[in-house]
Structure formats: structure tokens, C-alpha cells
């Protein structure tokens, strides 16, 4: 309800739109890719 993930396959890019941020959202955010078992 607060975060929206999206991707642009043509650009091999993913996005994370974050609204209504709270102090407990403080963190290091990591991107992950799973492809062909790796």
C-alpha cells in the first residue's frame, strides 16, 4: 500500500516507488536478480 515496484524490461531496470515513508523504513535497499538458477 505504500511501495510500488515496477520494471522496464527494455532497459533492464527496476524501480521502487516509496511513499508515506516511516522511520522504520530506514535501511540499505538491495536489488536482486534471479536468472537461470543464479
ModelCIF file with pLDDT and N, C-alpha, C, O atoms, coordinates in Angstrom:
data_MODEL
#
_entry.id   MODEL 
#
_entity.id                         1 
_entity.type                       polymer 
_entity.pdbx_number_of_molecules   1 
#
_entity_poly.entity_id                      1 
_entity_poly.type                           'polypeptide(L)' 
_entity_poly.nstd_linkage                   no 
_entity_poly.nstd_monomer                   no 
_entity_poly.pdbx_seq_one_letter_code       
;(UNK)(UNK)(UNK)(UNK)(UNK)(UNK)(UNK)(UNK)(UNK)(UNK)(UNK)(UNK)(UNK)(UNK)(UNK)(UNK)
(UNK)(UNK)(UNK)(UNK)(UNK)(UNK)(UNK)(UNK)(UNK)(UNK)(UNK)(UNK)(UNK)(UNK)(UNK)(UNK)
(UNK)(UNK)(UNK)(UNK)(UNK)(UNK)
;
_entity_poly.pdbx_seq_one_letter_code_can   XXXXXXXXXXXXXXXXXXXXXXXXXXXXXXXXXXXXXX 
_entity_poly.pdbx_strand_id                 A 
#
loop_
_entity_poly_seq.entity_id 
_entity_poly_seq.num 
_entity_poly_seq.mon_id 
_entity_poly_seq.hetero 
1 1  UNK n 
1 2  UNK n 
1 3  UNK n 
1 4  UNK n 
1 5  UNK n 
1 6  UNK n 
1 7  UNK n 
1 8  UNK n 
1 9  UNK n 
1 10 UNK n 
1 11 UNK n 
1 12 UNK n 
1 13 UNK n 
1 14 UNK n 
1 15 UNK n 
1 16 UNK n 
1 17 UNK n 
1 18 UNK n 
1 19 UNK n 
1 20 UNK n 
1 21 UNK n 
1 22 UNK n 
1 23 UNK n 
1 24 UNK n 
1 25 UNK n 
1 26 UNK n 
1 27 UNK n 
1 28 UNK n 
1 29 UNK n 
1 30 UNK n 
1 31 UNK n 
1 32 UNK n 
1 33 UNK n 
1 34 UNK n 
1 35 UNK n 
1 36 UNK n 
1 37 UNK n 
1 38 UNK n 
#
_struct_asym.id          A 
_struct_asym.entity_id   1 
#
loop_
_ma_qa_metric.id 
_ma_qa_metric.mode 
_ma_qa_metric.name 
_ma_qa_metric.software_group_id 
_ma_qa_metric.type 
1 global pLDDT . pLDDT 
2 local  pLDDT . pLDDT 
#
_ma_qa_metric_global.metric_id      1 
_ma_qa_metric_global.metric_value   94.42 
_ma_qa_metric_global.model_id       1 
_ma_qa_metric_global.ordinal_id     1 
#
loop_
_ma_qa_metric_local.label_asym_id 
_ma_qa_metric_local.label_comp_id 
_ma_qa_metric_local.label_seq_id 
_ma_qa_metric_local.metric_id 
_ma_qa_metric_local.metric_value 
_ma_qa_metric_local.model_id 
_ma_qa_metric_local.ordinal_id 
A UNK 1  2 96.00 1 1  
A UNK 2  2 97.00 1 2  
A UNK 3  2 98.00 1 3  
A UNK 4  2 97.00 1 4  
A UNK 5  2 96.00 1 5  
A UNK 6  2 93.00 1 6  
A UNK 7  2 90.00 1 7  
A UNK 8  2 89.00 1 8  
A UNK 9  2 86.00 1 9  
A UNK 10 2 87.00 1 10 
A UNK 11 2 89.00 1 11 
A UNK 12 2 88.00 1 12 
A UNK 13 2 91.00 1 13 
A UNK 14 2 93.00 1 14 
A UNK 15 2 96.00 1 15 
A UNK 16 2 97.00 1 16 
A UNK 17 2 98.00 1 17 
A UNK 18 2 98.00 1 18 
A UNK 19 2 98.00 1 19 
A UNK 20 2 98.00 1 20 
A UNK 21 2 98.00 1 21 
A UNK 22 2 97.00 1 22 
A UNK 23 2 97.00 1 23 
A UNK 24 2 96.00 1 24 
A UNK 25 2 98.00 1 25 
A UNK 26 2 98.00 1 26 
A UNK 27 2 98.00 1 27 
A UNK 28 2 98.00 1 28 
A UNK 29 2 98.00 1 29 
A UNK 30 2 98.00 1 30 
A UNK 31 2 97.00 1 31 
A UNK 32 2 96.00 1 32 
A UNK 33 2 94.00 1 33 
A UNK 34 2 92.00 1 34 
A UNK 35 2 90.00 1 35 
A UNK 36 2 88.00 1 36 
A UNK 37 2 89.00 1 37 
A UNK 38 2 91.00 1 38 
#
loop_
_atom_site.group_PDB 
_atom_site.id 
_atom_site.type_symbol 
_atom_site.label_atom_id 
_atom_site.label_alt_id 
_atom_site.label_comp_id 
_atom_site.label_asym_id 
_atom_site.label_entity_id 
_atom_site.label_seq_id 
_atom_site.pdbx_PDB_ins_code 
_atom_site.Cartn_x 
_atom_site.Cartn_y 
_atom_site.Cartn_z 
_atom_site.occupancy 
_atom_site.B_iso_or_equiv 
_atom_site.pdbx_formal_charge 
_atom_site.auth_seq_id 
_atom_site.auth_comp_id 
_atom_site.auth_asym_id 
_atom_site.auth_atom_id 
_atom_site.pdbx_PDB_model_num 
ATOM 1   N N  . UNK A 1 1  ? 0.796  -1.214  0.000   1.00 96.00 ? 1  UNK A N  1 
ATOM 2   C CA . UNK A 1 1  ? 0.000  0.000   0.000   1.00 96.00 ? 1  UNK A CA 1 
ATOM 3   C C  . UNK A 1 1  ? 0.830  1.265   0.000   1.00 96.00 ? 1  UNK A C  1 
ATOM 4   O O  . UNK A 1 1  ? 0.305  2.349   -0.257  1.00 96.00 ? 1  UNK A O  1 
ATOM 5   N N  . UNK A 1 2  ? 2.117  1.149   0.284   1.00 97.00 ? 2  UNK A N  1 
ATOM 6   C CA . UNK A 1 2  ? 2.990  2.339   0.310   1.00 97.00 ? 2  UNK A CA 1 
ATOM 7   C C  . UNK A 1 2  ? 4.080  2.280   -0.750  1.00 97.00 ? 2  UNK A C  1 
ATOM 8   O O  . UNK A 1 2  ? 4.496  3.318   -1.265  1.00 97.00 ? 2  UNK A O  1 
ATOM 9   N N  . UNK A 1 3  ? 4.538  1.104   -1.077  1.00 98.00 ? 3  UNK A N  1 
ATOM 10  C CA . UNK A 1 3  ? 5.604  0.928   -2.056  1.00 98.00 ? 3  UNK A CA 1 
ATOM 11  C C  . UNK A 1 3  ? 5.032  0.308   -3.335  1.00 98.00 ? 3  UNK A C  1 
ATOM 12  O O  . UNK A 1 3  ? 4.145  -0.546  -3.292  1.00 98.00 ? 3  UNK A O  1 
ATOM 13  N N  . UNK A 1 4  ? 5.562  0.761   -4.463  1.00 97.00 ? 4  UNK A N  1 
ATOM 14  C CA . UNK A 1 4  ? 5.162  0.204   -5.752  1.00 97.00 ? 4  UNK A CA 1 
ATOM 15  C C  . UNK A 1 4  ? 6.405  -0.157  -6.542  1.00 97.00 ? 4  UNK A C  1 
ATOM 16  O O  . UNK A 1 4  ? 7.257  0.692   -6.807  1.00 97.00 ? 4  UNK A O  1 
ATOM 17  N N  . UNK A 1 5  ? 6.499  -1.420  -6.912  1.00 96.00 ? 5  UNK A N  1 
ATOM 18  C CA . UNK A 1 5  ? 7.623  -1.891  -7.719  1.00 96.00 ? 5  UNK A CA 1 
ATOM 19  C C  . UNK A 1 5  ? 7.202  -1.961  -9.176  1.00 96.00 ? 5  UNK A C  1 
ATOM 20  O O  . UNK A 1 5  ? 6.061  -2.297  -9.493  1.00 96.00 ? 5  UNK A O  1 
ATOM 21  N N  . UNK A 1 6  ? 8.127  -1.642  -10.046 1.00 93.00 ? 6  UNK A N  1 
ATOM 22  C CA . UNK A 1 6  ? 7.843  -1.730  -11.481 1.00 93.00 ? 6  UNK A CA 1 
ATOM 23  C C  . UNK A 1 6  ? 9.140  -2.065  -12.204 1.00 93.00 ? 6  UNK A C  1 
ATOM 24  O O  . UNK A 1 6  ? 10.229 -1.985  -11.635 1.00 93.00 ? 6  UNK A O  1 
ATOM 25  N N  . UNK A 1 7  ? 8.999  -2.438  -13.458 1.00 90.00 ? 7  UNK A N  1 
ATOM 26  C CA . UNK A 1 7  ? 10.185 -2.772  -14.228 1.00 90.00 ? 7  UNK A CA 1 
ATOM 27  C C  . UNK A 1 7  ? 10.007 -2.362  -15.673 1.00 90.00 ? 7  UNK A C  1 
ATOM 28  O O  . UNK A 1 7  ? 8.902  -2.351  -16.214 1.00 90.00 ? 7  UNK A O  1 
ATOM 29  N N  . UNK A 1 8  ? 11.134 -2.023  -16.280 1.00 89.00 ? 8  UNK A N  1 
ATOM 30  C CA . UNK A 1 8  ? 11.179 -1.704  -17.708 1.00 89.00 ? 8  UNK A CA 1 
ATOM 31  C C  . UNK A 1 8  ? 12.109 -2.733  -18.328 1.00 89.00 ? 8  UNK A C  1 
ATOM 32  O O  . UNK A 1 8  ? 13.331 -2.601  -18.264 1.00 89.00 ? 8  UNK A O  1 
ATOM 33  N N  . UNK A 1 9  ? 11.521 -3.756  -18.928 1.00 86.00 ? 9  UNK A N  1 
ATOM 34  C CA . UNK A 1 9  ? 12.329 -4.854  -19.455 1.00 86.00 ? 9  UNK A CA 1 
ATOM 35  C C  . UNK A 1 9  ? 13.263 -4.399  -20.579 1.00 86.00 ? 9  UNK A C  1 
ATOM 36  O O  . UNK A 1 9  ? 14.361 -4.934  -20.734 1.00 86.00 ? 9  UNK A O  1 
ATOM 37  N N  . UNK A 1 10 ? 12.832 -3.434  -21.341 1.00 87.00 ? 10 UNK A N  1 
ATOM 38  C CA . UNK A 1 10 ? 13.666 -2.952  -22.443 1.00 87.00 ? 10 UNK A CA 1 
ATOM 39  C C  . UNK A 1 10 ? 14.936 -2.289  -21.929 1.00 87.00 ? 10 UNK A C  1 
ATOM 40  O O  . UNK A 1 10 ? 15.966 -2.286  -22.603 1.00 87.00 ? 10 UNK A O  1 
ATOM 41  N N  . UNK A 1 11 ? 14.851 -1.732  -20.733 1.00 89.00 ? 11 UNK A N  1 
ATOM 42  C CA . UNK A 1 11 ? 16.007 -1.045  -20.150 1.00 89.00 ? 11 UNK A CA 1 
ATOM 43  C C  . UNK A 1 11 ? 16.683 -1.877  -19.068 1.00 89.00 ? 11 UNK A C  1 
ATOM 44  O O  . UNK A 1 11 ? 17.642 -1.423  -18.442 1.00 89.00 ? 11 UNK A O  1 
ATOM 45  N N  . UNK A 1 12 ? 16.186 -3.101  -18.842 1.00 88.00 ? 12 UNK A N  1 
ATOM 46  C CA . UNK A 1 12 ? 16.733 -3.952  -17.762 1.00 88.00 ? 12 UNK A CA 1 
ATOM 47  C C  . UNK A 1 12 ? 16.800 -3.183  -16.449 1.00 88.00 ? 12 UNK A C  1 
ATOM 48  O O  . UNK A 1 12 ? 17.792 -3.250  -15.723 1.00 88.00 ? 12 UNK A O  1 
ATOM 49  N N  . UNK A 1 13 ? 15.754 -2.470  -16.165 1.00 91.00 ? 13 UNK A N  1 
ATOM 50  C CA . UNK A 1 13 ? 15.718 -1.603  -14.989 1.00 91.00 ? 13 UNK A CA 1 
ATOM 51  C C  . UNK A 1 13 ? 14.476 -1.887  -14.166 1.00 91.00 ? 13 UNK A C  1 
ATOM 52  O O  . UNK A 1 13 ? 13.390 -2.101  -14.706 1.00 91.00 ? 13 UNK A O  1 
ATOM 53  N N  . UNK A 1 14 ? 14.651 -1.887  -12.859 1.00 93.00 ? 14 UNK A N  1 
ATOM 54  C CA . UNK A 1 14 ? 13.521 -1.993  -11.951 1.00 93.00 ? 14 UNK A CA 1 
ATOM 55  C C  . UNK A 1 14 ? 13.491 -0.758  -11.067 1.00 93.00 ? 14 UNK A C  1 
ATOM 56  O O  . UNK A 1 14 ? 14.517 -0.131  -10.803 1.00 93.00 ? 14 UNK A O  1 
ATOM 57  N N  . UNK A 1 15 ? 12.299 -0.431  -10.620 1.00 96.00 ? 15 UNK A N  1 
ATOM 58  C CA . UNK A 1 15 ? 12.105 0.759   -9.809  1.00 96.00 ? 15 UNK A CA 1 
ATOM 59  C C  . UNK A 1 15 ? 11.349 0.398   -8.533  1.00 96.00 ? 15 UNK A C  1 
ATOM 60  O O  . UNK A 1 15 ? 10.625 -0.596  -8.476  1.00 96.00 ? 15 UNK A O  1 
ATOM 61  N N  . UNK A 1 16 ? 11.537 1.226   -7.522  1.00 97.00 ? 16 UNK A N  1 
ATOM 62  C CA . UNK A 1 16 ? 10.758 1.082   -6.303  1.00 97.00 ? 16 UNK A CA 1 
ATOM 63  C C  . UNK A 1 16 ? 10.303 2.479   -5.897  1.00 97.00 ? 16 UNK A C  1 
ATOM 64  O O  . UNK A 1 16 ? 11.096 3.301   -5.437  1.00 97.00 ? 16 UNK A O  1 
ATOM 65  N N  . UNK A 1 17 ? 9.023  2.724   -6.075  1.00 98.00 ? 17 UNK A N  1 
ATOM 66  C CA . UNK A 1 17 ? 8.428  3.996   -5.686  1.00 98.00 ? 17 UNK A CA 1 
ATOM 67  C C  . UNK A 1 17 ? 7.945  3.864   -4.245  1.00 98.00 ? 17 UNK A C  1 
ATOM 68  O O  . UNK A 1 17 ? 7.124  3.000   -3.935  1.00 98.00 ? 17 UNK A O  1 
ATOM 69  N N  . UNK A 1 18 ? 8.456  4.723   -3.368  1.00 98.00 ? 18 UNK A N  1 
ATOM 70  C CA . UNK A 1 18 ? 8.137  4.620   -1.951  1.00 98.00 ? 18 UNK A CA 1 
ATOM 71  C C  . UNK A 1 18 ? 7.455  5.910   -1.497  1.00 98.00 ? 18 UNK A C  1 
ATOM 72  O O  . UNK A 1 18 ? 7.993  7.001   -1.688  1.00 98.00 ? 18 UNK A O  1 
ATOM 73  N N  . UNK A 1 19 ? 6.306  5.788   -0.914  1.00 98.00 ? 19 UNK A N  1 
ATOM 74  C CA . UNK A 1 19 ? 5.585  6.958   -0.383  1.00 98.00 ? 19 UNK A CA 1 
ATOM 75  C C  . UNK A 1 19 ? 5.268  6.708   1.089   1.00 98.00 ? 19 UNK A C  1 
ATOM 76  O O  . UNK A 1 19 ? 5.419  5.598   1.600   1.00 98.00 ? 19 UNK A O  1 
ATOM 77  N N  . UNK A 1 20 ? 4.824  7.775   1.754   1.00 98.00 ? 20 UNK A N  1 
ATOM 78  C CA . UNK A 1 20 ? 4.464  7.686   3.179   1.00 98.00 ? 20 UNK A CA 1 
ATOM 79  C C  . UNK A 1 20 ? 5.566  6.995   3.977   1.00 98.00 ? 20 UNK A C  1 
ATOM 80  O O  . UNK A 1 20 ? 5.297  6.105   4.784   1.00 98.00 ? 20 UNK A O  1 
ATOM 81  N N  . UNK A 1 21 ? 6.777  7.405   3.747   1.00 98.00 ? 21 UNK A N  1 
ATOM 82  C CA . UNK A 1 21 ? 7.915  6.737   4.392   1.00 98.00 ? 21 UNK A CA 1 
ATOM 83  C C  . UNK A 1 21 ? 7.893  6.961   5.902   1.00 98.00 ? 21 UNK A C  1 
ATOM 84  O O  . UNK A 1 21 ? 7.498  8.016   6.398   1.00 98.00 ? 21 UNK A O  1 
ATOM 85  N N  . UNK A 1 22 ? 8.331  5.928   6.605   1.00 97.00 ? 22 UNK A N  1 
ATOM 86  C CA . UNK A 1 22 ? 8.369  5.934   8.064   1.00 97.00 ? 22 UNK A CA 1 
ATOM 87  C C  . UNK A 1 22 ? 9.810  5.737   8.534   1.00 97.00 ? 22 UNK A C  1 
ATOM 88  O O  . UNK A 1 22 ? 10.634 5.199   7.795   1.00 97.00 ? 22 UNK A O  1 
ATOM 89  N N  . UNK A 1 23 ? 10.114 6.161   9.737   1.00 97.00 ? 23 UNK A N  1 
ATOM 90  C CA . UNK A 1 23 ? 11.478 5.928   10.242  1.00 97.00 ? 23 UNK A CA 1 
ATOM 91  C C  . UNK A 1 23 ? 11.886 4.462   10.184  1.00 97.00 ? 23 UNK A C  1 
ATOM 92  O O  . UNK A 1 23 ? 13.062 4.156   9.986   1.00 97.00 ? 23 UNK A O  1 
ATOM 93  N N  . UNK A 1 24 ? 10.937 3.560   10.352  1.00 96.00 ? 24 UNK A N  1 
ATOM 94  C CA . UNK A 1 24 ? 11.272 2.129   10.307  1.00 96.00 ? 24 UNK A CA 1 
ATOM 95  C C  . UNK A 1 24 ? 11.572 1.623   8.894   1.00 96.00 ? 24 UNK A C  1 
ATOM 96  O O  . UNK A 1 24 ? 11.946 0.464   8.714   1.00 96.00 ? 24 UNK A O  1 
ATOM 97  N N  . UNK A 1 25 ? 11.407 2.492   7.893   1.00 98.00 ? 25 UNK A N  1 
ATOM 98  C CA . UNK A 1 25 ? 11.821 2.134   6.537   1.00 98.00 ? 25 UNK A CA 1 
ATOM 99  C C  . UNK A 1 25 ? 13.312 2.399   6.317   1.00 98.00 ? 25 UNK A C  1 
ATOM 100 O O  . UNK A 1 25 ? 13.861 2.058   5.269   1.00 98.00 ? 25 UNK A O  1 
ATOM 101 N N  . UNK A 1 26 ? 13.951 3.001   7.296   1.00 98.00 ? 26 UNK A N  1 
ATOM 102 C CA . UNK A 1 26 ? 15.389 3.263   7.200   1.00 98.00 ? 26 UNK A CA 1 
ATOM 103 C C  . UNK A 1 26 ? 16.149 1.956   7.043   1.00 98.00 ? 26 UNK A C  1 
ATOM 104 O O  . UNK A 1 26 ? 16.011 1.050   7.865   1.00 98.00 ? 26 UNK A O  1 
ATOM 105 N N  . UNK A 1 27 ? 16.951 1.857   5.992   1.00 98.00 ? 27 UNK A N  1 
ATOM 106 C CA . UNK A 1 27 ? 17.666 0.619   5.695   1.00 98.00 ? 27 UNK A CA 1 
ATOM 107 C C  . UNK A 1 27 ? 18.536 0.829   4.459   1.00 98.00 ? 27 UNK A C  1 
ATOM 108 O O  . UNK A 1 27 ? 18.433 1.840   3.764   1.00 98.00 ? 27 UNK A O  1 
ATOM 109 N N  . UNK A 1 28 ? 19.380 -0.138  4.212   1.00 98.00 ? 28 UNK A N  1 
ATOM 110 C CA . UNK A 1 28 ? 20.051 -0.227  2.914   1.00 98.00 ? 28 UNK A CA 1 
ATOM 111 C C  . UNK A 1 28 ? 19.168 -1.101  2.031   1.00 98.00 ? 28 UNK A C  1 
ATOM 112 O O  . UNK A 1 28 ? 18.806 -2.218  2.403   1.00 98.00 ? 28 UNK A O  1 
ATOM 113 N N  . UNK A 1 29 ? 18.833 -0.584  0.876   1.00 98.00 ? 29 UNK A N  1 
ATOM 114 C CA . UNK A 1 29 ? 17.951 -1.287  -0.061  1.00 98.00 ? 29 UNK A CA 1 
ATOM 115 C C  . UNK A 1 29 ? 18.795 -1.937  -1.158  1.00 98.00 ? 29 UNK A C  1 
ATOM 116 O O  . UNK A 1 29 ? 19.632 -1.294  -1.792  1.00 98.00 ? 29 UNK A O  1 
ATOM 117 N N  . UNK A 1 30 ? 18.548 -3.227  -1.357  1.00 98.00 ? 30 UNK A N  1 
ATOM 118 C CA . UNK A 1 30 ? 19.321 -4.007  -2.313  1.00 98.00 ? 30 UNK A CA 1 
ATOM 119 C C  . UNK A 1 30 ? 18.432 -4.485  -3.454  1.00 98.00 ? 30 UNK A C  1 
ATOM 120 O O  . UNK A 1 30 ? 17.268 -4.836  -3.261  1.00 98.00 ? 30 UNK A O  1 
ATOM 121 N N  . UNK A 1 31 ? 19.003 -4.488  -4.622  1.00 97.00 ? 31 UNK A N  1 
ATOM 122 C CA . UNK A 1 31 ? 18.358 -5.039  -5.804  1.00 97.00 ? 31 UNK A CA 1 
ATOM 123 C C  . UNK A 1 31 ? 18.845 -6.485  -5.972  1.00 97.00 ? 31 UNK A C  1 
ATOM 124 O O  . UNK A 1 31 ? 20.013 -6.790  -5.729  1.00 97.00 ? 31 UNK A O  1 
ATOM 125 N N  . UNK A 1 32 ? 17.943 -7.356  -6.384  1.00 96.00 ? 32 UNK A N  1 
ATOM 126 C CA . UNK A 1 32 ? 18.273 -8.767  -6.583  1.00 96.00 ? 32 UNK A CA 1 
ATOM 127 C C  . UNK A 1 32 ? 17.770 -9.218  -7.936  1.00 96.00 ? 32 UNK A C  1 
ATOM 128 O O  . UNK A 1 32 ? 16.693 -8.821  -8.381  1.00 96.00 ? 32 UNK A O  1 
ATOM 129 N N  . UNK A 1 33 ? 18.575 -10.067 -8.593  1.00 94.00 ? 33 UNK A N  1 
ATOM 130 C CA . UNK A 1 33 ? 18.188 -10.666 -9.872  1.00 94.00 ? 33 UNK A CA 1 
ATOM 131 C C  . UNK A 1 33 ? 18.383 -12.173 -9.782  1.00 94.00 ? 33 UNK A C  1 
ATOM 132 O O  . UNK A 1 33 ? 19.449 -12.654 -9.398  1.00 94.00 ? 33 UNK A O  1 
ATOM 133 N N  . UNK A 1 34 ? 17.346 -12.901 -10.141 1.00 92.00 ? 34 UNK A N  1 
ATOM 134 C CA . UNK A 1 34 ? 17.430 -14.354 -10.219 1.00 92.00 ? 34 UNK A CA 1 
ATOM 135 C C  . UNK A 1 34 ? 17.190 -14.739 -11.665 1.00 92.00 ? 34 UNK A C  1 
ATOM 136 O O  . UNK A 1 34 ? 16.121 -14.485 -12.219 1.00 92.00 ? 34 UNK A O  1 
ATOM 137 N N  . UNK A 1 35 ? 18.192 -15.352 -12.270 1.00 90.00 ? 35 UNK A N  1 
ATOM 138 C CA . UNK A 1 35 ? 18.078 -15.721 -13.682 1.00 90.00 ? 35 UNK A CA 1 
ATOM 139 C C  . UNK A 1 35 ? 18.824 -17.019 -13.916 1.00 90.00 ? 35 UNK A C  1 
ATOM 140 O O  . UNK A 1 35 ? 19.980 -17.171 -13.522 1.00 90.00 ? 35 UNK A O  1 
ATOM 141 N N  . UNK A 1 36 ? 18.145 -17.949 -14.561 1.00 88.00 ? 36 UNK A N  1 
ATOM 142 C CA . UNK A 1 36 ? 18.727 -19.264 -14.886 1.00 88.00 ? 36 UNK A CA 1 
ATOM 143 C C  . UNK A 1 36 ? 19.372 -19.907 -13.666 1.00 88.00 ? 36 UNK A C  1 
ATOM 144 O O  . UNK A 1 36 ? 20.475 -20.448 -13.749 1.00 88.00 ? 36 UNK A O  1 
ATOM 145 N N  . UNK A 1 37 ? 18.685 -19.846 -12.547 1.00 89.00 ? 37 UNK A N  1 
ATOM 146 C CA . UNK A 1 37 ? 19.133 -20.513 -11.343 1.00 89.00 ? 37 UNK A CA 1 
ATOM 147 C C  . UNK A 1 37 ? 20.250 -19.804 -10.596 1.00 89.00 ? 37 UNK A C  1 
ATOM 148 O O  . UNK A 1 37 ? 20.742 -20.315 -9.590  1.00 89.00 ? 37 UNK A O  1 
ATOM 149 N N  . UNK A 1 38 ? 20.654 -18.643 -11.070 1.00 91.00 ? 38 UNK A N  1 
ATOM 150 C CA . UNK A 1 38 ? 21.722 -17.900 -10.405 1.00 91.00 ? 38 UNK A CA 1 
ATOM 151 C C  . UNK A 1 38 ? 21.149 -16.640 -9.745  1.00 91.00 ? 38 UNK A C  1 
ATOM 152 O O  . UNK A 1 38 ? 21.890 -15.874 -9.129  1.00 91.00 ? 38 UNK A O  1 
#
